[in-house]
Amino acid sequence: MTTLPTNQFSTRLRISAKWPRRLLLAHVIGHSMGLLQITKVATVNPEWHGDSWLLTGLAGATTTNLVAAALWTAAIVGFGALAAAVFGWLPMAWWQPLAIASATVSLIGLVLVPVACPFLSTVGAFAANVALFAAVLWYQWAPRDLAA
């Protein structure tokens, strides 16, 4: 099995500069849905009542909500910073560590509180995180590889 060199992946797919920005924006909005539900600003998923299959029994509902809010806030800040790197507002050297950290935090939140958002949003977030891991770790992709 051969792996593609750093720029060949982007060159072959002719990645438009618009899709990473849109994906990151959608990811930020998606993570904000959990915060909206916790703060009772909106009911995003009526099936979720602030519980986690792992944390609620161990630490209670309040701690579960605080952990979930911290994870979603960290993901929002991280993916927002990634968007800033795509726009060139942050150094490109921050791209890979931010991408890995943000996707990891997002996945931890998805595993701990999978029903906080609607099912398709959770599946979409999981797929976006996996795609980000593959692009950054396997293909060594960075926003500077975007097609003009």
Protein backbone atom coordinates (compact mmCIF):
# COMPACT_ATOMS: atom_id res chain seq x y z
CA MET A 1 0.00 0.00 0.00
CA THR A 2 1.43 3.37 -0.95
CA THR A 3 0.70 6.66 0.72
CA LEU A 4 0.43 9.90 -1.15
CA PRO A 5 3.07 12.60 -0.69
CA THR A 6 2.04 15.71 1.19
CA ASN A 7 0.69 17.77 -1.72
CA GLN A 8 -0.44 14.98 -4.05
CA PHE A 9 -3.65 14.36 -2.09
CA SER A 10 -4.76 17.98 -2.47
CA THR A 11 -3.57 18.15 -6.07
CA ARG A 12 -5.50 15.05 -7.09
CA LEU A 13 -8.73 16.12 -5.46
CA ARG A 14 -8.34 19.82 -6.33
CA ILE A 15 -9.70 20.80 -2.95
CA SER A 16 -11.60 24.03 -3.11
CA ALA A 17 -10.70 26.63 -0.49
CA LYS A 18 -14.39 26.85 0.44
CA TRP A 19 -15.04 23.35 1.78
CA PRO A 20 -12.66 23.43 4.78
CA ARG A 21 -14.11 26.76 5.89
CA ARG A 22 -17.66 25.47 5.54
CA LEU A 23 -16.85 22.21 7.32
CA LEU A 24 -15.22 24.04 10.22
CA LEU A 25 -18.10 26.52 10.46
CA ALA A 26 -20.62 23.65 10.47
CA HIS A 27 -18.56 21.88 13.13
CA VAL A 28 -18.53 24.99 15.33
CA ILE A 29 -22.30 25.40 14.94
CA GLY A 30 -22.84 21.70 15.67
CA HIS A 31 -20.89 21.85 18.91
CA SER A 32 -22.82 24.94 19.99
CA MET A 33 -26.02 22.87 19.90
CA GLY A 34 -24.93 21.02 23.04
CA LEU A 35 -24.30 24.29 24.85
CA LEU A 36 -27.69 25.61 23.78
CA GLN A 37 -29.36 22.53 25.26
CA ILE A 38 -27.41 22.65 28.56
CA THR A 39 -28.17 26.33 29.10
CA LYS A 40 -31.84 25.78 28.19
CA VAL A 41 -31.64 28.34 25.40
CA ALA A 42 -32.98 25.75 22.95
CA THR A 43 -34.11 22.15 22.93
CA VAL A 44 -31.86 20.59 20.34
CA ASN A 45 -32.64 16.97 21.13
CA PRO A 46 -35.71 16.37 23.30
CA GLU A 47 -34.45 12.84 24.04
CA TRP A 48 -31.43 14.17 25.96
CA HIS A 49 -31.91 15.23 29.56
CA GLY A 50 -28.32 16.13 30.44
CA ASP A 51 -27.14 12.60 31.16
CA SER A 52 -24.12 10.63 30.05
CA TRP A 53 -23.94 6.86 29.86
CA LEU A 54 -20.62 7.02 31.74
CA LEU A 55 -20.44 10.21 33.79
CA THR A 56 -23.91 10.65 35.27
CA GLY A 57 -23.78 7.51 37.42
CA LEU A 58 -20.29 8.36 38.66
CA ALA A 59 -20.47 12.10 39.15
CA GLY A 60 -24.10 13.23 38.81
CA ALA A 61 -25.98 15.36 36.32
CA THR A 62 -24.42 18.71 37.30
CA THR A 63 -20.87 17.46 36.83
CA THR A 64 -21.88 15.76 33.59
CA ASN A 65 -23.25 19.05 32.26
CA LEU A 66 -20.09 20.92 33.32
CA VAL A 67 -17.82 18.35 31.66
CA ALA A 68 -19.93 18.34 28.48
CA ALA A 69 -19.99 22.16 28.41
CA ALA A 70 -16.20 22.29 28.87
CA LEU A 71 -15.65 19.75 26.07
CA TRP A 72 -17.97 21.55 23.65
CA THR A 73 -16.50 24.93 24.50
CA ALA A 74 -12.98 23.60 23.92
CA ALA A 75 -14.09 22.09 20.59
CA ILE A 76 -15.75 25.36 19.53
CA VAL A 77 -12.63 27.37 20.38
CA GLY A 78 -10.37 24.80 18.70
CA PHE A 79 -12.37 24.56 15.49
CA GLY A 80 -12.74 28.34 15.45
CA ALA A 81 -8.95 28.61 15.69
CA LEU A 82 -8.64 26.10 12.84
CA ALA A 83 -10.90 28.28 10.73
CA ALA A 84 -8.66 31.25 11.61
CA ALA A 85 -5.64 29.25 10.39
CA VAL A 86 -7.45 28.46 7.13
CA PHE A 87 -8.07 32.19 6.65
CA GLY A 88 -4.41 32.89 7.45
CA TRP A 89 -5.14 34.72 10.70
CA LEU A 90 -3.13 32.24 12.79
CA PRO A 91 0.24 30.67 12.07
CA MET A 92 0.14 27.58 9.86
CA ALA A 93 2.37 25.80 12.40
CA TRP A 94 -0.62 25.68 14.74
CA TRP A 95 -2.79 23.80 12.20
CA GLN A 96 -1.84 20.18 12.91
CA PRO A 97 -1.77 20.35 16.74
CA LEU A 98 -5.05 22.30 16.80
CA ALA A 99 -6.70 19.90 14.36
CA ILE A 100 -5.69 16.83 16.37
CA ALA A 101 -6.61 18.38 19.73
CA SER A 102 -9.96 19.75 18.52
CA ALA A 103 -11.01 16.50 16.85
CA THR A 104 -9.94 14.51 19.92
CA VAL A 105 -11.92 16.72 22.30
CA SER A 106 -14.90 16.51 19.96
CA LEU A 107 -14.71 12.71 19.83
CA ILE A 108 -14.48 12.49 23.63
CA GLY A 109 -17.64 14.60 23.87
CA LEU A 110 -19.40 12.45 21.27
CA VAL A 111 -18.49 9.27 23.14
CA LEU A 112 -19.47 10.58 26.58
CA VAL A 113 -22.70 12.27 25.53
CA PRO A 114 -23.75 10.76 22.20
CA VAL A 115 -27.41 11.74 22.44
CA ALA A 116 -26.85 15.43 23.24
CA CYS A 117 -27.44 16.32 19.59
CA PRO A 118 -29.74 14.74 17.01
CA PHE A 119 -28.52 11.40 15.64
CA LEU A 120 -27.51 12.66 12.19
CA SER A 121 -25.61 15.59 13.71
CA THR A 122 -23.69 13.17 15.92
CA VAL A 123 -22.90 10.92 12.95
CA GLY A 124 -21.85 13.95 10.89
CA ALA A 125 -19.58 15.23 13.66
CA PHE A 126 -18.00 11.81 14.03
CA ALA A 127 -17.42 11.59 10.26
CA ALA A 128 -15.96 15.12 10.16
CA ASN A 129 -13.55 14.27 12.98
CA VAL A 130 -12.44 11.05 11.30
CA ALA A 131 -11.99 12.89 7.99
CA LEU A 132 -9.92 15.55 9.74
CA PHE A 133 -7.72 12.90 11.39
CA ALA A 134 -7.21 11.15 8.04
CA ALA A 135 -6.42 14.38 6.20
CA VAL A 136 -3.99 15.68 8.81
CA LEU A 137 -2.31 12.49 10.04
CA TRP A 138 -2.37 10.18 7.03
CA TYR A 139 -2.16 12.59 4.12
CA GLN A 140 -0.27 15.37 5.98
CA TRP A 141 -2.78 17.84 4.53
CA ALA A 142 -2.71 21.51 5.54
CA PRO A 143 -4.72 24.53 4.35
CA ARG A 144 -1.69 25.80 2.41
CA ASP A 145 -2.31 22.81 0.05
CA LEU A 146 -5.67 24.21 -1.08
CA ALA A 147 -6.26 24.72 -4.78
CA ALA A 148 -6.53 28.30 -5.83
